[in-house]
Protein backbone atom coordinates (compact mmCIF):
# COMPACT_ATOMS: atom_id res chain seq x y z
CA MET A 1 38.28 168.07 119.40
CA THR A 2 40.72 169.42 121.99
CA ARG A 3 41.22 165.98 123.32
CA PHE A 4 41.75 164.60 119.91
CA CYS A 5 44.45 167.11 119.04
CA SER A 6 46.17 166.62 122.29
CA ALA A 7 46.34 162.78 121.77
CA PHE A 8 47.56 163.34 118.15
CA LEU A 9 50.30 165.69 119.32
CA VAL A 10 51.43 163.27 122.07
CA SER A 11 51.52 160.30 119.56
CA LEU A 12 53.52 162.41 117.11
CA PHE A 13 56.03 163.37 119.78
CA LEU A 14 56.45 159.70 120.79
CA LEU A 15 56.95 158.65 117.21
CA CYS A 16 59.42 161.37 116.42
CA GLY A 17 61.32 161.24 119.68
CA THR A 18 61.57 157.45 120.08
CA THR A 19 64.05 155.68 117.81
CA PHE A 20 64.25 151.94 117.42
CA PRO A 21 67.79 150.89 116.13
CA ILE A 22 67.80 148.45 113.23
CA PHE A 23 70.56 145.96 113.54
CA GLY A 24 71.19 142.16 113.36
CA ALA A 25 68.97 140.03 111.24
CA ASP A 26 66.77 143.09 110.26
CA ALA A 27 69.65 145.02 108.64
CA LYS A 28 69.65 145.97 105.00
CA PRO A 29 70.40 143.09 102.49
CA VAL A 30 73.86 142.19 101.14
CA PRO A 31 74.81 144.29 98.14
CA LEU A 32 75.48 142.58 94.85
CA GLY A 33 78.76 142.26 93.11
CA LYS A 34 82.20 141.39 94.47
CA LEU A 35 82.70 142.57 98.09
CA SER A 36 85.91 144.23 99.25
CA VAL A 37 87.24 143.75 102.74
CA GLU A 38 85.72 146.97 103.91
CA ASP A 39 82.34 145.96 102.39
CA CYS A 40 82.47 142.87 104.41
CA VAL A 41 83.34 144.77 107.64
CA LYS A 42 80.38 147.12 107.10
CA ILE A 43 77.99 144.26 106.59
CA ALA A 44 79.28 142.47 109.67
CA LEU A 45 78.83 145.68 111.78
CA GLU A 46 75.22 145.81 110.66
CA ARG A 47 74.31 142.13 110.97
CA SER A 48 76.69 140.47 113.43
CA PRO A 49 74.88 139.08 116.56
CA THR A 50 77.88 140.07 118.68
CA VAL A 51 77.48 143.72 117.64
CA ALA A 52 73.70 143.52 118.06
CA VAL A 53 74.18 142.34 121.73
CA ALA A 54 76.63 145.17 122.44
CA LYS A 55 74.18 147.66 121.08
CA ALA A 56 71.36 146.22 123.22
CA GLN A 57 73.62 146.46 126.33
CA THR A 58 74.35 150.12 125.37
CA LEU A 59 70.59 150.88 125.30
CA GLN A 60 70.16 149.06 128.58
CA SER A 61 72.76 151.27 130.19
CA ARG A 62 70.99 154.39 128.99
CA GLY A 63 67.85 153.10 130.56
CA ALA A 64 69.69 152.59 133.76
CA LEU A 65 70.92 156.18 133.59
CA ASN A 66 67.44 157.44 133.09
CA ALA A 67 66.21 155.41 136.08
CA ALA A 68 68.88 156.84 138.29
CA MET A 69 67.88 160.31 137.12
CA SER A 70 64.48 159.79 138.65
CA GLY A 71 66.00 160.25 142.09
CA VAL A 72 67.03 163.88 141.39
CA LEU A 73 64.17 164.97 139.17
CA PRO A 74 60.84 166.08 140.76
CA ARG A 75 58.09 163.44 141.09
CA VAL A 76 54.57 164.53 140.37
CA SER A 77 51.43 162.31 140.60
CA ALA A 78 47.78 163.02 140.37
CA SER A 79 44.70 161.08 141.58
CA VAL A 80 40.94 161.16 141.11
CA GLY A 81 38.35 159.31 143.08
CA TYR A 82 34.64 158.63 143.68
CA THR A 83 33.11 157.27 146.85
CA THR A 84 29.59 156.44 147.59
CA THR A 85 28.26 155.61 151.11
CA THR A 86 24.77 154.37 152.13
CA ASN A 87 23.67 154.45 155.80
CA ALA A 88 20.38 152.91 157.17
CA ILE A 89 18.45 153.77 160.29
CA GLU A 90 15.70 151.70 161.81
CA ARG A 91 13.07 153.64 163.90
CA TYR A 92 10.53 151.92 166.23
CA SER A 93 8.75 154.90 167.81
CA PHE A 94 5.38 156.38 166.93
CA SER A 95 6.31 156.18 163.13
CA SER A 96 8.44 153.14 162.68
CA GLY A 97 10.30 152.48 159.51
CA ARG A 98 13.68 152.35 157.81
CA PHE A 99 15.38 155.39 156.51
CA THR A 100 18.50 155.35 154.39
CA LYS A 101 21.09 158.11 153.63
CA THR A 102 23.34 157.93 150.55
CA SER A 103 26.29 160.27 150.15
CA SER A 104 28.73 160.63 147.24
CA ILE A 105 32.15 162.19 147.28
CA TYR A 106 34.11 163.22 144.17
CA GLY A 107 37.77 164.07 144.85
CA ALA A 108 40.98 164.92 143.06
CA GLY A 109 44.46 165.69 144.12
CA SER A 110 48.13 165.92 143.18
CA GLN A 111 51.39 165.53 144.95
CA ALA A 112 54.92 166.55 144.16
CA ARG A 113 58.24 165.68 145.69
CA LEU A 114 61.78 166.99 144.97
CA SER A 115 65.02 165.78 146.59
CA LEU A 116 67.09 168.97 147.59
CA LEU A 117 69.95 167.29 149.41
CA ASP A 118 70.88 163.64 148.91
CA ARG A 119 74.45 162.84 148.19
CA ALA A 120 73.79 159.11 147.57
CA THR A 121 71.33 159.93 144.77
CA TRP A 122 73.54 162.39 142.99
CA THR A 123 76.62 160.02 143.12
CA ARG A 124 74.34 157.20 141.96
CA VAL A 125 73.48 159.33 138.89
CA GLY A 126 77.20 160.02 138.19
CA ALA A 127 77.99 156.36 138.45
CA ALA A 128 75.19 155.45 136.09
CA ARG A 129 76.46 158.07 133.62
CA GLU A 130 79.97 156.60 133.69
CA GLU A 131 78.48 153.08 133.25
CA ALA A 132 76.58 154.34 130.26
CA ARG A 133 79.77 155.75 128.73
CA ALA A 134 81.57 152.49 129.50
CA SER A 135 78.86 150.56 127.72
CA ARG A 136 79.25 152.76 124.73
CA GLU A 137 83.03 152.11 124.67
CA SER A 138 82.31 148.36 125.12
CA GLN A 139 80.14 148.57 122.01
CA ALA A 140 82.95 150.22 120.07
CA SER A 141 85.41 147.55 121.40
CA SER A 142 83.05 144.70 120.14
CA GLU A 143 82.75 146.47 116.77
CA ALA A 144 86.61 146.64 116.53
CA ASP A 145 86.91 142.96 117.43
CA VAL A 146 84.35 141.92 114.92
CA ALA A 147 86.05 144.17 112.20
CA PHE A 148 89.39 142.57 112.89
CA GLN A 149 87.92 138.95 112.74
CA VAL A 150 86.26 139.73 109.54
CA ARG A 151 89.39 141.17 107.93
CA SER A 152 91.36 138.17 109.17
CA LYS A 153 88.90 135.65 107.90
CA TYR A 154 88.47 137.57 104.60
CA TYR A 155 92.10 137.20 103.91
CA ASP A 156 92.06 133.61 104.95
CA LEU A 157 89.43 133.13 102.29
CA VAL A 158 91.39 134.97 99.66
CA ARG A 159 94.39 132.93 100.50
CA ALA A 160 92.44 129.71 100.29
CA ARG A 161 91.12 130.77 96.89
CA LYS A 162 94.70 131.64 95.72
CA LEU A 163 96.02 128.43 97.02
CA LEU A 164 93.31 126.61 95.12
CA GLU A 165 94.58 128.30 91.97
CA VAL A 166 98.06 127.14 92.80
CA ALA A 167 96.83 123.59 93.43
CA ARG A 168 95.00 123.60 89.99
CA GLU A 169 98.02 124.91 88.28
CA ALA A 170 100.11 122.13 89.82
CA LEU A 171 97.63 119.67 88.58
CA ARG A 172 97.71 121.18 85.08
CA LEU A 173 101.48 120.89 85.01
CA SER A 174 101.31 117.34 86.29
CA LEU A 175 98.77 116.35 83.52
CA ASP A 176 100.92 118.04 80.82
CA GLN A 177 103.94 116.16 82.10
CA LEU A 178 101.98 112.84 82.05
CA ARG A 179 100.94 113.41 78.46
CA ARG A 180 104.47 114.36 77.54
CA SER A 181 105.95 111.31 79.26
CA GLU A 182 103.38 109.01 77.59
CA SER A 183 104.22 110.53 74.22
CA LEU A 184 108.01 110.04 74.78
CA TYR A 185 107.43 106.51 76.13
CA SER A 186 105.49 105.62 72.91
CA LEU A 187 108.53 106.85 71.03
CA GLY A 188 110.84 104.80 73.21
CA SER A 189 112.72 107.95 74.57
CA VAL A 190 111.74 107.26 78.19
CA THR A 191 111.02 104.18 80.37
CA LYS A 192 107.78 102.99 81.87
CA GLY A 193 108.88 104.18 85.17
CA ASP A 194 108.73 107.85 84.08
CA VAL A 195 105.10 107.33 83.09
CA LEU A 196 104.24 105.76 86.44
CA LYS A 197 106.02 108.57 88.32
CA ALA A 198 103.97 111.09 86.31
CA LYS A 199 100.75 109.30 87.18
CA VAL A 200 101.73 109.38 90.92
CA SER A 201 102.40 113.13 90.63
CA VAL A 202 98.99 113.57 88.96
CA ALA A 203 97.25 111.61 91.77
CA GLU A 204 98.99 113.72 94.34
CA SER A 205 98.04 116.95 92.55
CA GLU A 206 94.35 115.76 92.46
CA LEU A 207 94.37 115.27 96.21
CA GLY A 208 95.78 118.67 96.58
CA VAL A 209 93.03 120.26 94.52
CA ILE A 210 90.32 118.38 96.66
CA GLY A 211 91.78 119.64 99.89
CA ALA A 212 92.14 123.19 98.54
CA GLU A 213 88.51 123.22 97.35
CA ASN A 214 87.20 122.07 100.72
CA ARG A 215 89.31 124.64 102.54
CA ALA A 216 88.03 127.34 100.38
CA GLN A 217 84.45 126.34 100.91
CA LEU A 218 85.02 126.19 104.64
CA GLU A 219 86.54 129.60 104.76
CA ILE A 220 83.61 131.35 102.98
CA VAL A 221 81.19 129.63 105.44
CA ARG A 222 83.22 130.89 108.31
CA LEU A 223 83.30 134.50 106.84
CA ALA A 224 79.57 134.37 106.35
CA ALA A 225 79.04 133.43 109.90
CA LEU A 226 81.12 136.40 111.10
CA MET A 227 79.12 138.65 108.84
CA GLY A 228 75.89 137.43 110.28
CA LEU A 229 74.88 135.61 107.12
CA LEU A 230 73.43 132.19 106.62
CA PRO A 231 75.94 129.44 105.61
CA ASP A 232 74.14 128.90 102.21
CA GLN A 233 73.84 132.53 101.46
CA SER A 234 75.89 133.22 98.36
CA PHE A 235 78.14 136.26 97.84
CA GLU A 236 81.34 137.07 96.06
CA VAL A 237 84.57 138.67 97.32
CA ASP A 238 87.30 140.50 95.62
CA GLU A 239 90.14 138.12 95.38
CA THR A 240 92.85 140.69 94.49
CA LEU A 241 95.91 140.10 96.60
CA GLU A 242 98.77 142.42 95.65
CA GLU A 243 101.81 143.92 97.29
CA SER A 244 101.41 147.37 98.81
CA PRO A 245 103.92 149.52 100.49
CA VAL A 246 103.65 149.56 104.29
CA SER A 247 105.13 152.06 106.70
CA ILE A 248 104.42 151.94 110.41
CA ASP A 249 105.40 154.43 112.97
CA SER A 250 105.71 152.29 116.13
CA SER A 251 105.57 155.29 118.63
CA ALA A 252 102.46 156.62 116.97
CA VAL A 253 100.76 153.21 117.15
CA PHE A 254 101.61 152.97 120.87
CA SER A 255 100.37 156.53 121.56
CA ALA A 256 97.11 155.94 119.67
CA ALA A 257 96.49 152.62 121.38
CA MET A 258 96.89 154.06 124.94
CA LYS A 259 94.61 156.97 124.06
CA GLU A 260 92.00 155.65 121.63
CA ARG A 261 91.50 151.95 122.36
CA PRO A 262 87.87 151.57 123.44
CA ASP A 263 88.53 148.80 125.89
CA LEU A 264 90.90 151.10 127.82
CA LYS A 265 88.27 153.95 127.73
CA GLU A 266 85.66 151.52 128.99
CA ALA A 267 87.90 150.45 131.90
CA ARG A 268 88.65 154.07 132.80
CA HIS A 269 84.85 154.86 132.89
CA ARG A 270 84.25 151.84 135.00
CA LEU A 271 86.99 152.98 137.46
CA LYS A 272 85.26 156.30 137.71
CA ALA A 273 82.03 154.61 138.29
CA SER A 274 83.34 152.39 140.97
CA ASN A 275 84.82 155.58 142.64
CA LEU A 276 81.41 157.18 142.65
CA ASN A 277 79.79 153.99 143.87
CA LEU A 278 82.18 154.17 146.88
CA GLY A 279 80.85 157.61 147.57
CA THR A 280 77.32 156.45 147.21
CA ALA A 281 77.80 153.63 149.80
CA GLY A 282 79.48 156.02 152.30
CA ALA A 283 76.59 158.60 151.80
CA GLY A 284 74.31 156.14 153.57
CA ARG A 285 75.36 157.79 156.84
CA LEU A 286 74.48 161.37 155.74
CA PRO A 287 71.05 163.00 156.24
CA SER A 288 68.79 163.82 153.27
CA LEU A 289 66.36 166.74 152.58
CA SER A 290 63.30 166.68 150.47
CA LEU A 291 60.56 169.24 149.51
CA THR A 292 57.06 168.03 149.29
CA ALA A 293 53.82 169.77 148.13
CA GLY A 294 50.28 168.52 147.67
CA TYR A 295 46.77 169.70 146.86
CA SER A 296 43.39 167.89 147.15
CA SER A 297 39.82 168.81 146.91
CA TYR A 298 36.46 167.00 147.06
CA VAL A 299 32.79 167.76 146.51
CA SER A 300 30.17 165.86 148.60
CA GLY A 301 26.49 165.52 147.67
CA MET A 302 23.52 163.61 149.10
CA PRO A 303 19.98 163.04 147.88
CA HIS A 304 17.30 165.33 149.29
CA GLY A 305 13.92 164.67 150.85
CA PHE A 306 13.40 163.03 154.21
CA ASN A 307 16.96 162.23 154.60
CA GLN A 308 17.67 165.94 154.80
CA PHE A 309 15.24 166.15 157.74
CA VAL A 310 17.00 163.34 159.50
CA PHE A 311 20.62 164.03 158.80
CA GLY A 312 20.62 167.75 158.05
CA ASN A 313 20.96 169.88 155.06
CA THR A 314 23.98 169.15 152.78
CA LYS A 315 23.75 172.31 150.71
CA ASP A 316 24.90 175.77 151.48
CA ALA A 317 22.01 177.76 152.82
CA THR A 318 22.84 180.82 150.84
CA THR A 319 23.86 179.52 147.46
CA GLY A 320 22.21 176.14 147.42
CA VAL A 321 25.23 174.36 145.95
CA ASP A 322 27.04 171.20 147.25
CA LEU A 323 29.72 171.90 149.93
CA LYS A 324 33.27 171.67 148.56
CA ASN A 325 36.42 170.88 150.64
CA TYR A 326 40.07 171.43 149.54
CA SER A 327 43.45 171.57 151.09
CA TRP A 328 47.13 172.19 150.18
CA ASP A 329 50.32 171.67 151.91
CA VAL A 330 54.07 172.40 151.46
CA GLY A 331 56.78 170.90 153.66
CA LEU A 332 60.32 169.94 154.19
CA GLU A 333 61.34 166.37 155.02
CA VAL A 334 64.63 165.52 156.70
CA SER A 335 65.71 161.97 157.04
CA ILE A 336 68.55 161.21 159.44
CA PRO A 337 69.91 157.66 159.46
CA ILE A 338 70.70 156.37 162.92
CA PHE A 339 71.28 152.66 162.53
CA ASP A 340 70.72 150.64 159.37
CA GLY A 341 71.84 147.23 160.54
CA LEU A 342 75.40 147.48 159.10
CA LEU A 343 73.97 148.01 155.63
CA THR A 344 76.08 151.07 154.92
CA ARG A 345 79.21 149.36 156.22
CA GLY A 346 78.63 146.34 154.05
CA ASN A 347 77.92 148.48 151.06
CA THR A 348 81.10 150.50 151.56
CA GLN A 349 83.21 147.37 151.90
CA GLN A 350 81.85 145.92 148.62
CA ALA A 351 82.29 149.24 146.86
CA ARG A 352 85.82 149.57 148.02
CA ALA A 353 86.68 146.06 146.81
CA GLN A 354 85.08 146.79 143.43
CA HIS A 355 87.03 150.01 143.11
CA VAL A 356 90.33 148.10 143.67
CA ALA A 357 89.36 145.42 141.20
CA ALA A 358 88.49 148.13 138.62
CA LYS A 359 91.80 149.83 139.22
CA GLU A 360 93.81 146.59 138.81
CA SER A 361 91.74 145.66 135.71
CA LEU A 362 92.55 148.89 134.06
CA ARG A 363 96.32 148.31 134.77
CA GLN A 364 96.16 144.86 133.28
CA LEU A 365 94.35 146.02 130.22
CA GLU A 366 97.09 148.67 129.67
CA LEU A 367 99.77 146.02 129.82
CA ASN A 368 97.75 143.84 127.49
CA ALA A 369 97.34 146.63 124.99
CA GLN A 370 101.07 147.41 125.02
CA LEU A 371 101.77 143.65 124.41
CA GLU A 372 99.23 143.56 121.64
CA VAL A 373 100.69 146.57 119.87
CA LYS A 374 104.19 145.03 120.11
CA GLU A 375 103.00 141.70 118.71
CA ALA A 376 101.27 143.35 115.84
CA ILE A 377 104.36 145.41 114.98
CA LEU A 378 106.48 142.36 115.11
CA ALA A 379 104.04 140.32 113.02
CA LEU A 380 103.99 142.95 110.35
CA LYS A 381 107.76 143.13 110.25
CA GLU A 382 107.99 139.27 109.99
CA ALA A 383 105.36 139.20 107.30
CA ARG A 384 107.26 141.75 105.14
CA GLU A 385 110.51 139.85 105.49
CA LYS A 386 108.79 136.62 104.52
CA LEU A 387 107.25 138.40 101.53
CA VAL A 388 110.70 139.46 100.25
CA SER A 389 112.13 136.02 100.86
CA SER A 390 109.19 134.19 99.25
CA LYS A 391 109.22 136.45 96.23
CA GLU A 392 112.94 135.63 95.64
CA GLY A 393 112.20 131.96 96.20
CA LEU A 394 109.35 131.98 93.66
CA LEU A 395 111.68 133.49 90.97
CA SER A 396 114.19 130.78 91.68
CA ALA A 397 111.58 127.98 91.65
CA GLU A 398 110.11 129.20 88.33
CA GLU A 399 113.65 129.28 86.81
CA SER A 400 114.48 125.80 88.22
CA TYR A 401 111.24 124.27 86.81
CA LYS A 402 112.00 125.79 83.42
CA LEU A 403 115.46 124.32 83.32
CA SER A 404 114.38 120.96 84.51
CA LYS A 405 111.56 120.85 81.91
CA GLU A 406 114.05 121.71 79.06
CA LYS A 407 116.50 119.17 80.18
CA TYR A 408 113.88 116.45 80.35
CA ASP A 409 112.53 117.35 76.90
CA VAL A 410 116.02 116.95 75.39
CA GLY A 411 116.69 113.70 77.37
CA SER A 412 119.38 114.98 79.64
CA GLY A 413 117.15 115.24 82.77
CA THR A 414 115.23 112.66 84.86
CA MET A 415 111.54 112.48 85.69
CA LEU A 416 112.45 112.66 89.40
CA GLU A 417 114.24 115.96 88.92
CA LEU A 418 111.17 117.40 87.00
CA ILE A 419 108.77 116.28 89.60
CA ASP A 420 110.85 117.76 92.34
CA SER A 421 111.03 121.11 90.43
CA GLU A 422 107.20 120.94 90.03
CA VAL A 423 106.78 120.41 93.75
CA GLY A 424 109.23 123.13 94.51
CA LEU A 425 107.32 125.53 92.24
CA ALA A 426 104.01 124.74 93.91
CA ARG A 427 105.50 125.33 97.33
CA ALA A 428 107.12 128.60 96.38
CA ARG A 429 103.81 129.90 94.95
CA SER A 430 102.03 128.85 98.13
CA SER A 431 104.60 130.56 100.26
CA TYR A 432 104.21 133.68 98.23
CA VAL A 433 100.49 133.68 98.67
CA ASP A 434 100.92 133.04 102.42
CA ALA A 435 103.30 135.83 102.67
CA LEU A 436 100.91 138.33 100.92
CA SER A 437 97.95 137.39 103.10
CA SER A 438 100.14 137.48 106.26
CA VAL A 439 101.02 141.12 105.44
CA LYS A 440 97.34 141.86 105.11
CA VAL A 441 96.48 140.19 108.37
CA ALA A 442 99.27 141.97 110.16
CA GLN A 443 98.01 145.32 108.95
CA ALA A 444 94.61 144.44 110.35
CA MET A 445 96.31 143.59 113.70
CA ILE A 446 97.86 147.05 113.69
CA VAL A 447 94.43 148.64 113.11
CA ARG A 448 92.90 146.64 115.92
CA ALA A 449 95.80 147.29 118.32
CA SER A 450 95.26 151.03 117.71
CA GLY A 451 91.66 150.76 118.74
CA ARG A 452 90.15 151.51 115.25
CA LYS A 453 87.54 149.73 113.13
CA TYR A 454 88.96 151.04 109.81
């Protein structure tokens, strides 16, 4: 019963203390309804293979830290054993014969070892801890990258859907104009050329719709791939694309980027780890001190009878029990390296080179981060200016089309002027949609440049 309870408690501890992260393909299903951009980001962070790999690398680094901790924690081991020995003696005197002796030994023991002074081991633990922190920041950087890619592709999909609406509206206008021109031709108000031009405009609009439909389908497949979904897995997104006020404090973005970006934090932790690894390599020339302790015991027993007469009694004469032997020991062990075949020198040279590389890598990442922030700010500024210009151009295009249509209806305008105004209106609408989506993408660039996921 005691053994059963002990096994149950150990199993319960392992089940409660051990967590198995759920991510990747085993994540929870996609929610129903139209998904916002933040919904898509959350789904991607749960299901993206890129994020799953980053999480696995983080777990691996934690395992490496636990392995490094084994060098500074005490090591305790236990052993049990059983040995049986049979000896045979042949006698050829007055009473010849063969006599055997069988002895059995039951033993158990335990050993413990603790490192008291070993600089290489302690610096190795520190380096592993910094590597674990770097892996955690690397995971955060991967999540931020995936979040930005999803946002960018989300607005590409919304833009493609909006441009499909523009293309369909252009086709509707072309069909209306074709019907109008055919009616006017039947009344003799316009020439056959106007009808043919209207048909050409309809054909071009139909081609535009086909291309826009294909682009919209392609964008949703690309978004699904970034979210970790199958290409044929259906879901709907919120296609709302409206203007929103945008105010950016450039100095605050720069400050947040230099302080909060996970890739910079990762590089700083790796620089600290390389510095500790340099100390680990140099510690190969230093002595180490360890504490050892051990205990062992065994009980020996042999069968009785004639073997006792030949080999002697194996039981205590007073108590009549089998003899028991035990021993224990405690000691200090000092290890002094004398010559390791240039191993320490080679490790030091490699560690020094890695430290220099980590230092320069951090400097390069800082420069890249500043450049990325600057590009994001300029992209947002350009997108806002394009939005203002495209909005004014859309108002002018709508007024131009209205005037051209009225002039053509009363016979004072030409079909060519009307078609040009239709094309101009479609382009203005497309430019306005592009400008709206560009603002959203630029805002996502600001978020990524600041080192944030949301």
